[in-house]
């Protein structure tokens, strides 16, 4: 199981700017990674809406801030080197199939222990963003959380963009997977570029990696 913590940056202008301090500065969600030597599936663990905020404003208005984790799944086929992403966006499901990227990881030689597993550090830089990962060859699977992969062992920790996103393994349970790892099939088939263009048009975001969605509703 992994905890995925992401910093939230939001700008509110005009009369609603007083809401700025009400919005949490980060969001943590929990995920589970099922894996075999051939495939893996990374999925959400359903959580309660304990980070929702209802606040009465001056003048009698009510502000509701609802934070929802999209129902995403990421499936890796290690044999055929393919990825299938099932992404939820604006209450619609999309299916993205692609060939696994070749990630230019560089080993640093640094070592540490995570959950009792000896881990090695690696990093890569893309579009001025540095990603640091810690992986263990004790689990000889070239996978990891979210879309992070490509190292000679399971990735147990990721620090992306100087702490803007941190994914950490909080437990590892060895043994047979209790149910088959099933490739996601729900959603409209789109390319990764098509999906990212749609997200950018709707939200102004230039990247989409399953970030938490913040919906702000004002009632007078």
Protein backbone atom coordinates (compact mmCIF):
# COMPACT_ATOMS: atom_id res chain seq x y z
CA UNK A 1 0.00 0.00 0.00
CA UNK A 2 1.18 3.53 -0.79
CA UNK A 3 0.32 7.02 0.46
CA UNK A 4 0.38 9.67 -2.27
CA UNK A 5 0.75 13.25 -0.97
CA UNK A 6 0.49 16.17 -3.38
CA UNK A 7 0.74 19.87 -2.74
CA UNK A 8 -2.24 21.91 -3.91
CA UNK A 9 -1.87 25.27 -5.55
CA UNK A 10 -5.02 27.27 -6.21
CA UNK A 11 -5.61 30.95 -6.88
CA UNK A 12 -8.94 32.62 -6.18
CA UNK A 13 -9.54 36.19 -7.28
CA UNK A 14 -12.10 38.83 -6.42
CA UNK A 15 -14.73 38.56 -3.71
CA UNK A 16 -14.02 34.87 -3.15
CA UNK A 17 -10.34 35.41 -2.28
CA UNK A 18 -11.14 34.97 1.45
CA UNK A 19 -11.56 31.24 0.73
CA UNK A 20 -7.83 30.90 0.06
CA UNK A 21 -6.96 30.03 3.67
CA UNK A 22 -9.80 27.49 3.89
CA UNK A 23 -8.32 25.21 1.25
CA UNK A 24 -5.86 22.52 2.43
CA UNK A 25 -2.29 22.98 1.21
CA UNK A 26 -1.88 19.29 0.40
CA UNK A 27 -3.90 16.18 -0.29
CA UNK A 28 -3.04 12.61 0.74
CA UNK A 29 -4.67 9.57 -0.80
CA UNK A 30 -4.11 5.84 -0.37
CA UNK A 31 -3.51 3.34 -3.15
CA UNK A 32 -2.79 -0.35 -3.49
CA UNK A 33 -0.44 -2.02 -5.96
CA UNK A 34 -1.13 -5.62 -6.96
CA UNK A 35 1.72 -7.26 -8.83
CA UNK A 36 3.05 -10.47 -10.33
CA UNK A 37 6.20 -10.96 -12.44
CA UNK A 38 4.05 -10.39 -15.55
CA UNK A 39 1.61 -7.59 -14.64
CA UNK A 40 0.69 -4.98 -12.04
CA UNK A 41 -2.40 -2.92 -11.19
CA UNK A 42 -2.34 0.34 -9.21
CA UNK A 43 -5.74 1.42 -7.88
CA UNK A 44 -7.36 3.75 -5.34
CA UNK A 45 -8.42 2.68 -1.89
CA UNK A 46 -11.91 4.11 -1.35
CA UNK A 47 -11.89 6.86 1.26
CA UNK A 48 -14.48 8.93 3.07
CA UNK A 49 -14.86 12.61 2.19
CA UNK A 50 -13.20 13.74 5.40
CA UNK A 51 -11.46 16.59 3.60
CA UNK A 52 -14.67 18.25 2.44
CA UNK A 53 -15.23 21.74 3.82
CA UNK A 54 -18.49 23.59 4.43
CA UNK A 55 -18.03 27.16 5.58
CA UNK A 56 -20.46 30.00 6.18
CA UNK A 57 -19.21 33.29 4.77
CA UNK A 58 -19.95 36.90 5.59
CA UNK A 59 -23.36 37.89 4.28
CA UNK A 60 -24.88 34.45 4.77
CA UNK A 61 -23.30 32.64 1.83
CA UNK A 62 -22.15 29.04 2.18
CA UNK A 63 -19.02 27.74 0.49
CA UNK A 64 -18.65 24.01 -0.14
CA UNK A 65 -15.22 22.67 -1.10
CA UNK A 66 -15.29 19.03 -2.17
CA UNK A 67 -12.10 17.10 -2.81
CA UNK A 68 -12.50 13.90 -4.79
CA UNK A 69 -9.93 11.37 -5.91
CA UNK A 70 -10.58 10.22 -9.49
CA UNK A 71 -11.34 6.50 -9.88
CA UNK A 72 -8.16 5.78 -11.80
CA UNK A 73 -6.42 2.47 -12.47
CA UNK A 74 -2.99 1.90 -14.01
CA UNK A 75 -2.14 -1.49 -15.47
CA UNK A 76 1.36 -2.54 -16.56
CA UNK A 77 2.06 -5.46 -18.89
CA UNK A 78 5.76 -6.18 -18.21
CA UNK A 79 5.97 -8.92 -20.86
CA UNK A 80 4.73 -6.81 -23.79
CA UNK A 81 5.94 -3.50 -22.29
CA UNK A 82 2.51 -1.82 -22.51
CA UNK A 83 0.50 0.40 -20.14
CA UNK A 84 -3.27 0.79 -19.87
CA UNK A 85 -4.62 3.75 -17.89
CA UNK A 86 -8.26 4.02 -16.88
CA UNK A 87 -8.79 7.71 -16.07
CA UNK A 88 -11.83 9.46 -14.64
CA UNK A 89 -12.28 13.10 -15.63
CA UNK A 90 -15.40 15.21 -15.06
CA UNK A 91 -17.44 12.08 -14.24
CA UNK A 92 -16.43 10.36 -17.50
CA UNK A 93 -14.12 7.38 -17.97
CA UNK A 94 -11.31 7.29 -20.52
CA UNK A 95 -9.00 4.47 -21.55
CA UNK A 96 -5.42 5.24 -22.58
CA UNK A 97 -3.19 2.54 -24.03
CA UNK A 98 0.49 3.18 -24.70
CA UNK A 99 3.92 1.57 -25.00
CA UNK A 100 5.97 1.77 -21.79
CA UNK A 101 8.30 4.75 -21.81
CA UNK A 102 12.04 4.23 -21.53
CA UNK A 103 12.96 6.23 -18.41
CA UNK A 104 16.57 7.56 -18.27
CA UNK A 105 17.16 6.69 -14.60
CA UNK A 106 20.60 7.38 -13.14
CA UNK A 107 21.82 5.60 -10.00
CA UNK A 108 23.35 7.75 -7.26
CA UNK A 109 24.90 5.04 -5.09
CA UNK A 110 22.94 6.22 -2.04
CA UNK A 111 21.35 3.53 0.12
CA UNK A 112 18.65 3.39 2.80
CA UNK A 113 16.11 1.00 4.27
CA UNK A 114 12.34 1.28 3.66
CA UNK A 115 10.02 -1.06 5.56
CA UNK A 116 13.00 -3.33 6.18
CA UNK A 117 13.94 -3.55 2.49
CA UNK A 118 17.41 -2.38 1.38
CA UNK A 119 16.85 0.35 -1.22
CA UNK A 120 18.97 2.19 -3.77
CA UNK A 121 18.40 5.74 -5.02
CA UNK A 122 17.90 6.75 -8.65
CA UNK A 123 16.73 9.92 -10.39
CA UNK A 124 15.90 11.46 -13.76
CA UNK A 125 15.14 14.97 -15.00
CA UNK A 126 12.42 15.75 -17.55
CA UNK A 127 11.11 19.21 -18.50
CA UNK A 128 13.14 20.73 -15.63
CA UNK A 129 11.38 18.44 -13.13
CA UNK A 130 13.57 16.14 -11.08
CA UNK A 131 12.15 12.83 -9.89
CA UNK A 132 13.94 10.82 -7.21
CA UNK A 133 13.03 7.18 -6.54
CA UNK A 134 14.12 4.52 -4.06
CA UNK A 135 13.81 0.93 -5.26
CA UNK A 136 14.61 -2.51 -3.88
CA UNK A 137 16.01 -5.44 -5.84
CA UNK A 138 14.61 -7.66 -3.07
CA UNK A 139 11.33 -7.40 -5.01
CA UNK A 140 12.58 -8.13 -8.56
CA UNK A 141 9.70 -6.42 -10.37
CA UNK A 142 10.43 -3.43 -12.62
CA UNK A 143 7.32 -1.58 -11.42
CA UNK A 144 6.10 0.87 -8.85
CA UNK A 145 3.33 3.28 -7.89
CA UNK A 146 1.38 5.35 -10.42
CA UNK A 147 3.32 5.49 -13.72
CA UNK A 148 6.76 5.15 -12.15
CA UNK A 149 8.67 2.11 -13.42
CA UNK A 150 11.79 1.01 -15.24
CA UNK A 151 14.24 0.23 -12.42
CA UNK A 152 15.70 -3.21 -11.57
CA UNK A 153 13.42 -3.65 -8.58
CA UNK A 154 10.18 -2.40 -7.07
CA UNK A 155 9.97 1.36 -6.42
CA UNK A 156 8.94 1.98 -2.80
CA UNK A 157 9.30 5.77 -2.64
CA UNK A 158 9.08 8.68 -5.10
CA UNK A 159 9.83 12.38 -4.58
CA UNK A 160 8.86 14.46 -7.60
CA UNK A 161 9.47 18.16 -8.23
CA UNK A 162 11.20 18.89 -4.91
CA UNK A 163 8.47 17.44 -2.72
CA UNK A 164 5.43 18.64 -4.66
CA UNK A 165 4.47 14.98 -4.90
CA UNK A 166 5.68 12.25 -2.56
CA UNK A 167 4.59 8.63 -2.84
CA UNK A 168 5.67 6.32 -0.03
CA UNK A 169 5.08 2.64 0.58
CA UNK A 170 3.48 2.13 3.99
CA UNK A 171 3.14 -1.66 3.88
CA UNK A 172 4.25 -4.60 1.75
CA UNK A 173 2.48 -7.94 1.93
CA UNK A 174 4.08 -10.87 0.14
CA UNK A 175 2.15 -13.87 -1.12
CA UNK A 176 -0.27 -14.86 -3.86
CA UNK A 177 -2.62 -12.20 -5.21
CA UNK A 178 -6.07 -13.14 -3.91
CA UNK A 179 -7.83 -12.27 -7.18
CA UNK A 180 -6.64 -12.06 -10.81
CA UNK A 181 -5.07 -8.80 -11.97
CA UNK A 182 -7.54 -7.66 -14.61
CA UNK A 183 -6.70 -5.17 -17.33
CA UNK A 184 -9.04 -2.11 -17.17
CA UNK A 185 -11.58 -1.95 -19.99
CA UNK A 186 -13.99 0.86 -19.07
CA UNK A 187 -14.04 4.22 -20.83
CA UNK A 188 -13.68 5.89 -24.20
CA UNK A 189 -10.41 5.05 -25.91
CA UNK A 190 -8.18 8.09 -26.40
CA UNK A 191 -4.49 8.72 -26.84
CA UNK A 192 -2.44 10.24 -24.02
CA UNK A 193 -2.05 13.47 -26.03
CA UNK A 194 -5.82 13.67 -26.62
CA UNK A 195 -6.53 13.19 -22.93
CA UNK A 196 -4.00 15.79 -21.81
CA UNK A 197 -5.31 18.30 -24.38
CA UNK A 198 -8.87 17.81 -23.07
CA UNK A 199 -7.75 18.31 -19.45
CA UNK A 200 -5.84 21.45 -20.42
CA UNK A 201 -8.84 22.89 -22.27
CA UNK A 202 -11.18 22.24 -19.33
CA UNK A 203 -8.91 23.17 -16.42
CA UNK A 204 -5.93 25.07 -17.75
CA UNK A 205 -3.62 22.38 -16.36
CA UNK A 206 -0.75 21.40 -18.64
CA UNK A 207 -0.24 17.98 -17.02
CA UNK A 208 -2.52 15.24 -15.78
CA UNK A 209 -1.23 12.57 -13.42
CA UNK A 210 -4.33 11.81 -11.39
CA UNK A 211 -4.24 14.94 -9.28
CA UNK A 212 -6.95 15.57 -6.70
CA UNK A 213 -9.91 17.51 -8.02
CA UNK A 214 -11.15 20.53 -6.06
CA UNK A 215 -14.71 21.66 -6.70
CA UNK A 216 -15.81 24.98 -5.19
CA UNK A 217 -19.52 25.74 -4.92
CA UNK A 218 -20.95 28.95 -3.53
CA UNK A 219 -24.49 29.20 -2.21
CA UNK A 220 -26.10 32.47 -1.21
